Amino acid sequence: VTFSHQSHVEQKRPECTGCHPALFKILEKGTPAEGGPIRHSRIQAGRQCGACHNDKAAFGLDNCALCHREG
């Protein structure tokens, strides 16, 4: 999965607490607060990335290439 703070955070007014520490640990790259790896089942249940990527706050899970990119 690709992740970019640039596309997720307004650079002039960052709101780090929207994701940290409730959804993701701030000092451990790619580590969900609930532990374990990021999983589609958790995202679909509204946890991890799915807290926002739900077709309401942000795009949903219907376009794999938006998050999964080769190389």
Protein backbone atom coordinates (compact mmCIF):
# COMPACT_ATOMS: atom_id res chain seq x y z
CA VAL A 1 0.00 0.00 0.00
CA THR A 2 1.29 3.44 -0.82
CA PHE A 3 0.74 6.30 1.62
CA SER A 4 1.58 9.95 1.29
CA HIS A 5 1.24 12.53 4.04
CA GLN A 6 1.17 15.12 1.25
CA SER A 7 -2.13 13.79 -0.10
CA HIS A 8 -3.65 13.19 3.34
CA VAL A 9 -2.65 16.34 5.24
CA GLU A 10 -3.28 19.99 4.53
CA GLN A 11 0.29 21.27 4.64
CA LYS A 12 -0.58 24.75 5.96
CA ARG A 13 -2.78 23.39 8.75
CA PRO A 14 -1.87 19.78 9.54
CA GLU A 15 -4.35 17.90 11.69
CA CYS A 16 -2.12 15.06 12.85
CA THR A 17 -4.52 14.04 15.60
CA GLY A 18 -7.08 12.94 13.01
CA CYS A 19 -5.06 9.76 12.54
CA HIS A 20 -2.47 9.82 15.33
CA PRO A 21 -2.52 8.17 17.80
CA ALA A 22 -6.12 6.89 17.56
CA LEU A 23 -5.76 5.05 14.22
CA PHE A 24 -2.00 4.78 13.65
CA LYS A 25 0.99 4.95 15.96
CA ILE A 26 2.83 8.18 15.27
CA LEU A 27 6.42 6.92 15.59
CA GLU A 28 6.01 3.45 14.12
CA LYS A 29 5.59 3.67 10.35
CA GLY A 30 2.58 1.76 9.03
CA THR A 31 1.55 0.46 12.44
CA PRO A 32 -2.15 0.59 13.33
CA ALA A 33 -2.96 1.60 16.90
CA GLU A 34 -4.88 -1.65 17.35
CA GLY A 35 -1.75 -3.64 16.49
CA GLY A 36 -1.18 -6.13 13.73
CA PRO A 37 -0.95 -5.34 10.03
CA ILE A 38 -3.33 -3.29 7.93
CA ARG A 39 -6.00 -5.67 6.62
CA HIS A 40 -8.90 -5.24 4.19
CA SER A 41 -11.26 -6.87 6.68
CA ARG A 42 -10.42 -4.18 9.24
CA ILE A 43 -10.67 -1.39 6.67
CA GLN A 44 -14.08 -2.67 5.53
CA ALA A 45 -15.19 -2.67 9.17
CA GLY A 46 -14.39 1.06 9.39
CA ARG A 47 -11.10 0.67 11.21
CA GLN A 48 -7.59 1.69 10.16
CA CYS A 49 -7.77 3.40 6.72
CA GLY A 50 -11.49 2.62 6.59
CA ALA A 51 -12.20 5.23 9.26
CA CYS A 52 -12.07 7.77 6.41
CA HIS A 53 -11.95 5.73 3.20
CA ASN A 54 -15.63 4.81 3.23
CA ASP A 55 -17.00 6.67 0.16
CA LYS A 56 -18.17 9.44 2.52
CA ALA A 57 -15.17 11.22 4.04
CA ALA A 58 -12.83 9.95 1.31
CA PHE A 59 -12.89 7.56 -1.66
CA GLY A 60 -13.83 3.97 -0.92
CA LEU A 61 -12.29 0.64 -1.75
CA ASP A 62 -13.53 0.18 -5.30
CA ASN A 63 -10.35 1.33 -7.11
CA CYS A 64 -7.41 -0.85 -6.05
CA ALA A 65 -4.83 1.18 -8.00
CA LEU A 66 -5.38 4.26 -5.82
CA CYS A 67 -3.62 2.51 -2.91
CA HIS A 68 -1.88 -0.49 -4.45
CA ARG A 69 0.83 0.51 -6.91
CA GLU A 70 3.65 -1.49 -8.38
CA GLY A 71 7.17 -0.55 -7.94
